Amino acid sequence: MIFFYGIQINIWLVIGFLGQSCFFLRFLIQWIVSEKRKKSTIPVVFWYLSFAGAFSVLVYAIYRKDPVFIVGQSMGLMVYSRNLWFIYSRKRAAVGG
């Protein structure tokens, strides 16, 4: 068993922190892209990181049997999936597919 400052580190903790890291990165990337373009912009990678973060936190919440996070992350997954669907269906239509 691995301990870090008295906290037991296991795969579930890693999954939970991985999800939280994805959520942090999406805001960081969105901020950087917006600063470069000098306008508020949401890049596609924002939605991928949102999906990955929600999925990871959902897996962690299921392990923890936490209904608040299970419901919240499930709803988020639907929104993030739908946004990715819109992005790719629009691109497909533009290409003629």
Protein backbone atom coordinates (compact mmCIF):
# COMPACT_ATOMS: atom_id res chain seq x y z
CA MET A 1 0.00 0.00 0.00
CA ILE A 2 1.20 3.48 -0.85
CA PHE A 3 0.66 6.36 1.53
CA PHE A 4 1.20 10.06 0.90
CA TYR A 5 1.03 12.30 3.96
CA GLY A 6 -1.09 9.69 5.70
CA ILE A 7 -3.53 9.28 2.80
CA GLN A 8 -3.78 5.84 1.24
CA ILE A 9 -3.25 6.10 -2.50
CA ASN A 10 -5.21 3.56 -4.53
CA ILE A 11 -6.50 3.31 -8.08
CA TRP A 12 -9.85 4.89 -7.14
CA LEU A 13 -8.19 7.97 -5.74
CA VAL A 14 -6.09 8.23 -8.91
CA ILE A 15 -9.26 7.97 -11.07
CA GLY A 16 -10.97 10.69 -9.04
CA PHE A 17 -8.01 13.05 -9.26
CA LEU A 18 -7.60 12.30 -12.96
CA GLY A 19 -11.18 13.47 -13.50
CA GLN A 20 -10.63 16.62 -11.46
CA SER A 21 -7.44 17.29 -13.42
CA CYS A 22 -9.39 17.09 -16.68
CA PHE A 23 -11.87 19.65 -15.34
CA PHE A 24 -9.03 21.97 -14.37
CA LEU A 25 -7.28 21.57 -17.73
CA ARG A 26 -10.43 22.38 -19.70
CA PHE A 27 -10.70 25.76 -17.97
CA LEU A 28 -6.98 26.44 -18.36
CA ILE A 29 -7.05 25.63 -22.08
CA GLN A 30 -10.23 27.65 -22.63
CA TRP A 31 -8.62 30.62 -20.90
CA ILE A 32 -5.40 30.37 -22.94
CA VAL A 33 -7.28 30.06 -26.25
CA SER A 34 -9.56 32.98 -25.35
CA GLU A 35 -6.57 35.14 -24.43
CA LYS A 36 -4.84 34.35 -27.72
CA ARG A 37 -7.97 35.14 -29.76
CA LYS A 38 -8.92 38.13 -27.58
CA LYS A 39 -12.49 36.84 -27.31
CA SER A 40 -14.34 34.18 -25.35
CA THR A 41 -13.81 30.89 -27.16
CA ILE A 42 -14.62 27.28 -26.31
CA PRO A 43 -12.30 24.96 -28.27
CA VAL A 44 -13.36 21.39 -29.11
CA VAL A 45 -10.77 19.99 -26.69
CA PHE A 46 -12.80 21.65 -23.90
CA TRP A 47 -15.64 19.20 -24.59
CA TYR A 48 -13.32 16.19 -24.72
CA LEU A 49 -11.78 17.13 -21.39
CA SER A 50 -15.26 17.73 -19.98
CA PHE A 51 -16.36 14.27 -21.11
CA ALA A 52 -13.19 12.59 -19.77
CA GLY A 53 -13.45 14.44 -16.46
CA ALA A 54 -17.14 13.64 -16.00
CA PHE A 55 -16.60 10.00 -16.91
CA SER A 56 -13.69 9.61 -14.48
CA VAL A 57 -15.52 11.34 -11.64
CA LEU A 58 -18.65 9.27 -12.41
CA VAL A 59 -16.65 6.04 -12.14
CA TYR A 60 -15.20 7.27 -8.85
CA ALA A 61 -18.66 8.30 -7.59
CA ILE A 62 -20.09 4.89 -8.44
CA TYR A 63 -17.27 3.25 -6.50
CA ARG A 64 -17.98 5.59 -3.56
CA LYS A 65 -21.76 5.01 -3.94
CA ASP A 66 -22.36 8.76 -3.89
CA PRO A 67 -25.76 9.48 -5.48
CA VAL A 68 -25.21 13.26 -5.62
CA PHE A 69 -22.11 12.95 -7.80
CA ILE A 70 -23.54 10.03 -9.79
CA VAL A 71 -26.57 12.08 -10.85
CA GLY A 72 -24.56 15.26 -11.41
CA GLN A 73 -21.85 13.66 -13.52
CA SER A 74 -24.40 11.60 -15.48
CA MET A 75 -26.21 14.78 -16.48
CA GLY A 76 -22.91 16.40 -17.44
CA LEU A 77 -21.94 13.42 -19.59
CA MET A 78 -25.16 13.78 -21.56
CA VAL A 79 -24.50 17.49 -22.18
CA TYR A 80 -20.85 16.96 -23.16
CA SER A 81 -21.75 14.05 -25.46
CA ARG A 82 -24.47 16.09 -27.13
CA ASN A 83 -22.13 19.03 -27.72
CA LEU A 84 -19.56 16.71 -29.33
CA TRP A 85 -22.35 15.22 -31.45
CA PHE A 86 -23.36 18.70 -32.65
CA ILE A 87 -19.75 19.58 -33.50
CA TYR A 88 -19.12 16.43 -35.51
CA SER A 89 -22.50 16.27 -37.22
CA ARG A 90 -21.98 19.86 -38.41
CA LYS A 91 -18.49 19.01 -39.68
CA ARG A 92 -19.82 15.91 -41.44
CA ALA A 93 -22.58 17.94 -43.11
CA ALA A 94 -20.06 20.56 -44.23
CA VAL A 95 -17.93 17.87 -45.89
CA GLY A 96 -21.01 16.44 -47.58
CA GLY A 97 -21.18 13.21 -45.57
